[in-house]
Amino acid sequence: MKHPHDNIRVGTITFVYSVTKRGWVFPGLSVIRNPLKAQRLAEEINNKRGAVCTKHLLLN
């Protein structure tokens, strides 16, 4: 993130900044206005997604 209104991208997760809602759009169409919270949430989702993929690969 180089500018305050850039999209937040962590791994394959991207939160798009909405100018009209003045925040990052979270899956489920809720809006997060705090950039630190949005970044942390994107990291959590990315980590959970990685854990599920790893578990799936180990089971096969």
PDB file of N, CA and C in Angstrom:
ATOM      1  N   MET A   1       0.850  -1.173   0.000  1.00  0.00           N
ATOM      2  CA  MET A   1       0.000   0.000   0.000  1.00  0.00           C
ATOM      3  C   MET A   1       0.892   1.231   0.000  1.00  0.00           C
ATOM      4  N   LYS A   2       0.895   1.953  -1.096  1.00  0.00           N
ATOM      5  CA  LYS A   2       1.723   3.153  -1.202  1.00  0.00           C
ATOM      6  C   LYS A   2       0.942   4.419  -0.885  1.00  0.00           C
ATOM      7  N   HIS A   3      -0.359   4.377  -1.130  1.00  0.00           N
ATOM      8  CA  HIS A   3      -1.217   5.538  -0.883  1.00  0.00           C
ATOM      9  C   HIS A   3      -2.323   5.135   0.089  1.00  0.00           C
ATOM     10  N   PRO A   4      -2.866   6.095   0.836  1.00  0.00           N
ATOM     11  CA  PRO A   4      -3.865   5.747   1.857  1.00  0.00           C
ATOM     12  C   PRO A   4      -5.131   5.085   1.313  1.00  0.00           C
ATOM     13  N   HIS A   5      -5.415   5.258   0.038  1.00  0.00           N
ATOM     14  CA  HIS A   5      -6.657   4.712  -0.514  1.00  0.00           C
ATOM     15  C   HIS A   5      -6.407   3.587  -1.514  1.00  0.00           C
ATOM     16  N   ASP A   6      -5.265   2.931  -1.395  1.00  0.00           N
ATOM     17  CA  ASP A   6      -4.973   1.785  -2.265  1.00  0.00           C
ATOM     18  C   ASP A   6      -5.728   0.557  -1.785  1.00  0.00           C
ATOM     19  N   ASN A   7      -5.870  -0.402  -2.684  1.00  0.00           N
ATOM     20  CA  ASN A   7      -6.425  -1.694  -2.300  1.00  0.00           C
ATOM     21  C   ASN A   7      -5.444  -2.387  -1.376  1.00  0.00           C
ATOM     22  N   ILE A   8      -5.958  -3.225  -0.484  1.00  0.00           N
ATOM     23  CA  ILE A   8      -5.107  -3.992   0.422  1.00  0.00           C
ATOM     24  C   ILE A   8      -5.019  -5.402  -0.134  1.00  0.00           C
ATOM     25  N   ARG A   9      -3.782  -5.861  -0.351  1.00  0.00           N
ATOM     26  CA  ARG A   9      -3.575  -7.187  -0.927  1.00  0.00           C
ATOM     27  C   ARG A   9      -2.622  -7.985  -0.053  1.00  0.00           C
ATOM     28  N   VAL A  10      -3.074  -9.174   0.357  1.00  0.00           N
ATOM     29  CA  VAL A  10      -2.255 -10.101   1.144  1.00  0.00           C
ATOM     30  C   VAL A  10      -2.398 -11.464   0.490  1.00  0.00           C
ATOM     31  N   GLY A  11      -1.322 -11.961  -0.092  1.00  0.00           N
ATOM     32  CA  GLY A  11      -1.387 -13.247  -0.788  1.00  0.00           C
ATOM     33  C   GLY A  11      -2.374 -13.160  -1.937  1.00  0.00           C
ATOM     34  N   THR A  12      -3.396 -13.982  -1.887  1.00  0.00           N
ATOM     35  CA  THR A  12      -4.418 -13.949  -2.934  1.00  0.00           C
ATOM     36  C   THR A  12      -5.646 -13.148  -2.517  1.00  0.00           C
ATOM     37  N   ILE A  13      -5.641 -12.618  -1.306  1.00  0.00           N
ATOM     38  CA  ILE A  13      -6.775 -11.850  -0.787  1.00  0.00           C
ATOM     39  C   ILE A  13      -6.598 -10.378  -1.140  1.00  0.00           C
ATOM     40  N   THR A  14      -7.632  -9.762  -1.706  1.00  0.00           N
ATOM     41  CA  THR A  14      -7.595  -8.341  -2.027  1.00  0.00           C
ATOM     42  C   THR A  14      -8.854  -7.671  -1.503  1.00  0.00           C
ATOM     43  N   PHE A  15      -8.663  -6.632  -0.696  1.00  0.00           N
ATOM     44  CA  PHE A  15      -9.773  -5.785  -0.260  1.00  0.00           C
ATOM     45  C   PHE A  15      -9.733  -4.531  -1.114  1.00  0.00           C
ATOM     46  N   VAL A  16     -10.800  -4.255  -1.827  1.00  0.00           N
ATOM     47  CA  VAL A  16     -10.867  -3.111  -2.722  1.00  0.00           C
ATOM     48  C   VAL A  16     -11.346  -1.889  -1.951  1.00  0.00           C
ATOM     49  N   TYR A  17     -10.682  -0.741  -2.172  1.00  0.00           N
ATOM     50  CA  TYR A  17     -11.087   0.496  -1.506  1.00  0.00           C
ATOM     51  C   TYR A  17     -12.271   1.090  -2.246  1.00  0.00           C
ATOM     52  N   SER A  18     -13.308   1.451  -1.506  1.00  0.00           N
ATOM     53  CA  SER A  18     -14.496   2.083  -2.072  1.00  0.00           C
ATOM     54  C   SER A  18     -14.470   3.567  -1.731  1.00  0.00           C
ATOM     55  N   VAL A  19     -14.422   4.408  -2.761  1.00  0.00           N
ATOM     56  CA  VAL A  19     -14.398   5.854  -2.555  1.00  0.00           C
ATOM     57  C   VAL A  19     -15.736   6.325  -2.000  1.00  0.00           C
ATOM     58  N   THR A  20     -16.826   5.761  -2.479  1.00  0.00           N
ATOM     59  CA  THR A  20     -18.144   6.199  -2.034  1.00  0.00           C
ATOM     60  C   THR A  20     -18.425   5.826  -0.578  1.00  0.00           C
ATOM     61  N   LYS A  21     -17.916   4.662  -0.154  1.00  0.00           N
ATOM     62  CA  LYS A  21     -18.149   4.214   1.231  1.00  0.00           C
ATOM     63  C   LYS A  21     -16.981   4.567   2.149  1.00  0.00           C
ATOM     64  N   ARG A  22     -15.895   5.077   1.572  1.00  0.00           N
ATOM     65  CA  ARG A  22     -14.698   5.503   2.308  1.00  0.00           C
ATOM     66  C   ARG A  22     -14.133   4.398   3.198  1.00  0.00           C
ATOM     67  N   GLY A  23     -13.936   3.229   2.598  1.00  0.00           N
ATOM     68  CA  GLY A  23     -13.371   2.101   3.331  1.00  0.00           C
ATOM     69  C   GLY A  23     -13.103   0.933   2.397  1.00  0.00           C
ATOM     70  N   TRP A  24     -12.572  -0.127   2.952  1.00  0.00           N
ATOM     71  CA  TRP A  24     -12.254  -1.320   2.173  1.00  0.00           C
ATOM     72  C   TRP A  24     -13.409  -2.299   2.262  1.00  0.00           C
ATOM     73  N   VAL A  25     -13.820  -2.807   1.110  1.00  0.00           N
ATOM     74  CA  VAL A  25     -14.962  -3.719   1.037  1.00  0.00           C
ATOM     75  C   VAL A  25     -14.491  -5.116   1.409  1.00  0.00           C
ATOM     76  N   PHE A  26     -15.129  -5.658   2.437  1.00  0.00           N
ATOM     77  CA  PHE A  26     -14.846  -6.973   2.978  1.00  0.00           C
ATOM     78  C   PHE A  26     -15.822  -7.954   2.356  1.00  0.00           C
ATOM     79  N   PRO A  27     -15.436  -9.219   2.118  1.00  0.00           N
ATOM     80  CA  PRO A  27     -16.395 -10.193   1.594  1.00  0.00           C
ATOM     81  C   PRO A  27     -17.673 -10.208   2.429  1.00  0.00           C
ATOM     82  N   GLY A  28     -18.790 -10.161   1.782  1.00  0.00           N
ATOM     83  CA  GLY A  28     -20.063 -10.038   2.472  1.00  0.00           C
ATOM     84  C   GLY A  28     -20.561  -8.603   2.383  1.00  0.00           C
ATOM     85  N   LEU A  29     -19.805  -7.771   1.656  1.00  0.00           N
ATOM     86  CA  LEU A  29     -20.130  -6.371   1.385  1.00  0.00           C
ATOM     87  C   LEU A  29     -20.158  -5.467   2.605  1.00  0.00           C
ATOM     88  N   SER A  30     -19.515  -5.863   3.699  1.00  0.00           N
ATOM     89  CA  SER A  30     -19.361  -4.932   4.808  1.00  0.00           C
ATOM     90  C   SER A  30     -18.115  -4.091   4.524  1.00  0.00           C
ATOM     91  N   VAL A  31     -18.037  -2.917   5.146  1.00  0.00           N
ATOM     92  CA  VAL A  31     -16.954  -1.978   4.880  1.00  0.00           C
ATOM     93  C   VAL A  31     -16.124  -1.778   6.143  1.00  0.00           C
ATOM     94  N   ILE A  32     -14.808  -1.839   5.996  1.00  0.00           N
ATOM     95  CA  ILE A  32     -13.883  -1.604   7.100  1.00  0.00           C
ATOM     96  C   ILE A  32     -13.180  -0.291   6.816  1.00  0.00           C
ATOM     97  N   ARG A  33     -13.289   0.667   7.735  1.00  0.00           N
ATOM     98  CA  ARG A  33     -12.688   1.979   7.509  1.00  0.00           C
ATOM     99  C   ARG A  33     -11.299   2.123   8.101  1.00  0.00           C
ATOM    100  N   ASN A  34     -10.938   1.275   9.035  1.00  0.00           N
ATOM    101  CA  ASN A  34      -9.625   1.346   9.656  1.00  0.00           C
ATOM    102  C   ASN A  34      -8.638   0.517   8.824  1.00  0.00           C
ATOM    103  N   PRO A  35      -7.598   1.147   8.241  1.00  0.00           N
ATOM    104  CA  PRO A  35      -6.674   0.397   7.380  1.00  0.00           C
ATOM    105  C   PRO A  35      -5.886  -0.683   8.118  1.00  0.00           C
ATOM    106  N   LEU A  36      -5.561  -0.450   9.382  1.00  0.00           N
ATOM    107  CA  LEU A  36      -4.825  -1.469  10.140  1.00  0.00           C
ATOM    108  C   LEU A  36      -5.691  -2.690  10.400  1.00  0.00           C
ATOM    109  N   LYS A  37      -6.956  -2.462  10.699  1.00  0.00           N
ATOM    110  CA  LYS A  37      -7.884  -3.570  10.926  1.00  0.00           C
ATOM    111  C   LYS A  37      -8.112  -4.347   9.629  1.00  0.00           C
ATOM    112  N   ALA A  38      -8.226  -3.626   8.519  1.00  0.00           N
ATOM    113  CA  ALA A  38      -8.428  -4.283   7.227  1.00  0.00           C
ATOM    114  C   ALA A  38      -7.220  -5.140   6.860  1.00  0.00           C
ATOM    115  N   GLN A  39      -6.019  -4.626   7.113  1.00  0.00           N
ATOM    116  CA  GLN A  39      -4.794  -5.376   6.832  1.00  0.00           C
ATOM    117  C   GLN A  39      -4.724  -6.643   7.682  1.00  0.00           C
ATOM    118  N   ARG A  40      -5.026  -6.502   8.968  1.00  0.00           N
ATOM    119  CA  ARG A  40      -4.979  -7.654   9.887  1.00  0.00           C
ATOM    120  C   ARG A  40      -5.995  -8.712   9.480  1.00  0.00           C
ATOM    121  N   LEU A  41      -7.190  -8.266   9.098  1.00  0.00           N
ATOM    122  CA  LEU A  41      -8.241  -9.191   8.687  1.00  0.00           C
ATOM    123  C   LEU A  41      -7.852  -9.921   7.396  1.00  0.00           C
ATOM    124  N   ALA A  42      -7.239  -9.205   6.473  1.00  0.00           N
ATOM    125  CA  ALA A  42      -6.790  -9.830   5.225  1.00  0.00           C
ATOM    126  C   ALA A  42      -5.728 -10.887   5.514  1.00  0.00           C
ATOM    127  N   GLU A  43      -4.826 -10.592   6.461  1.00  0.00           N
ATOM    128  CA  GLU A  43      -3.802 -11.563   6.831  1.00  0.00           C
ATOM    129  C   GLU A  43      -4.422 -12.799   7.480  1.00  0.00           C
ATOM    130  N   GLU A  44      -5.417 -12.601   8.342  1.00  0.00           N
ATOM    131  CA  GLU A  44      -6.089 -13.738   8.991  1.00  0.00           C
ATOM    132  C   GLU A  44      -6.781 -14.619   7.965  1.00  0.00           C
ATOM    133  N   ILE A  45      -7.481 -14.009   7.028  1.00  0.00           N
ATOM    134  CA  ILE A  45      -8.193 -14.776   5.995  1.00  0.00           C
ATOM    135  C   ILE A  45      -7.191 -15.533   5.135  1.00  0.00           C
ATOM    136  N   ASN A  46      -6.085 -14.878   4.775  1.00  0.00           N
ATOM    137  CA  ASN A  46      -5.065 -15.529   3.957  1.00  0.00           C
ATOM    138  C   ASN A  46      -4.444 -16.712   4.698  1.00  0.00           C
ATOM    139  N   ASN A  47      -4.180 -16.543   5.988  1.00  0.00           N
ATOM    140  CA  ASN A  47      -3.599 -17.639   6.780  1.00  0.00           C
ATOM    141  C   ASN A  47      -4.565 -18.808   6.909  1.00  0.00           C
ATOM    142  N   LYS A  48      -5.847 -18.527   7.134  1.00  0.00           N
ATOM    143  CA  LYS A  48      -6.840 -19.603   7.237  1.00  0.00           C
ATOM    144  C   LYS A  48      -6.976 -20.327   5.913  1.00  0.00           C
ATOM    145  N   ARG A  49      -6.951 -19.572   4.826  1.00  0.00           N
ATOM    146  CA  ARG A  49      -7.075 -20.172   3.512  1.00  0.00           C
ATOM    147  C   ARG A  49      -5.875 -21.076   3.222  1.00  0.00           C
ATOM    148  N   GLY A  50      -4.686 -20.638   3.622  1.00  0.00           N
ATOM    149  CA  GLY A  50      -3.477 -21.453   3.439  1.00  0.00           C
ATOM    150  C   GLY A  50      -3.521 -22.719   4.264  1.00  0.00           C
ATOM    151  N   ALA A  51      -4.038 -22.614   5.485  1.00  0.00           N
ATOM    152  CA  ALA A  51      -4.127 -23.782   6.358  1.00  0.00           C
ATOM    153  C   ALA A  51      -5.101 -24.809   5.786  1.00  0.00           C
ATOM    154  N   VAL A  52      -6.204 -24.351   5.241  1.00  0.00           N
ATOM    155  CA  VAL A  52      -7.198 -25.260   4.652  1.00  0.00           C
ATOM    156  C   VAL A  52      -6.614 -25.944   3.428  1.00  0.00           C
ATOM    157  N   CYS A  53      -5.901 -25.190   2.583  1.00  0.00           N
ATOM    158  CA  CYS A  53      -5.294 -25.789   1.385  1.00  0.00           C
ATOM    159  C   CYS A  53      -4.234 -26.804   1.764  1.00  0.00           C
ATOM    160  N   THR A  54      -3.419 -26.493   2.761  1.00  0.00           N
ATOM    161  CA  THR A  54      -2.381 -27.416   3.203  1.00  0.00           C
ATOM    162  C   THR A  54      -2.998 -28.682   3.773  1.00  0.00           C
ATOM    163  N   LYS A  55      -4.035 -28.533   4.573  1.00  0.00           N
ATOM    164  CA  LYS A  55      -4.706 -29.690   5.167  1.00  0.00           C
ATOM    165  C   LYS A  55      -5.311 -30.559   4.071  1.00  0.00           C
ATOM    166  N   HIS A  56      -5.912 -29.917   3.063  1.00  0.00           N
ATOM    167  CA  HIS A  56      -6.518 -30.656   1.951  1.00  0.00           C
ATOM    168  C   HIS A  56      -5.456 -31.459   1.199  1.00  0.00           C
ATOM    169  N   LEU A  57      -4.281 -30.856   0.984  1.00  0.00           N
ATOM    170  CA  LEU A  57      -3.213 -31.555   0.269  1.00  0.00           C
ATOM    171  C   LEU A  57      -2.675 -32.731   1.083  1.00  0.00           C
ATOM    172  N   LEU A  58      -2.611 -32.566   2.404  1.00  0.00           N
ATOM    173  CA  LEU A  58      -2.106 -33.649   3.246  1.00  0.00           C
ATOM    174  C   LEU A  58      -3.063 -34.836   3.299  1.00  0.00           C
ATOM    175  N   LEU A  59      -4.361 -34.560   3.192  1.00  0.00           N
ATOM    176  CA  LEU A  59      -5.351 -35.637   3.264  1.00  0.00           C
ATOM    177  C   LEU A  59      -5.402 -36.449   1.970  1.00  0.00           C
ATOM    178  N   ASN A  60      -5.014 -35.842   0.862  1.00  0.00           N
ATOM    179  CA  ASN A  60      -5.075 -36.553  -0.432  1.00  0.00           C
ATOM    180  C   ASN A  60      -3.881 -37.378  -0.685  1.00  0.00           C
TER     181      ASN A  60
END
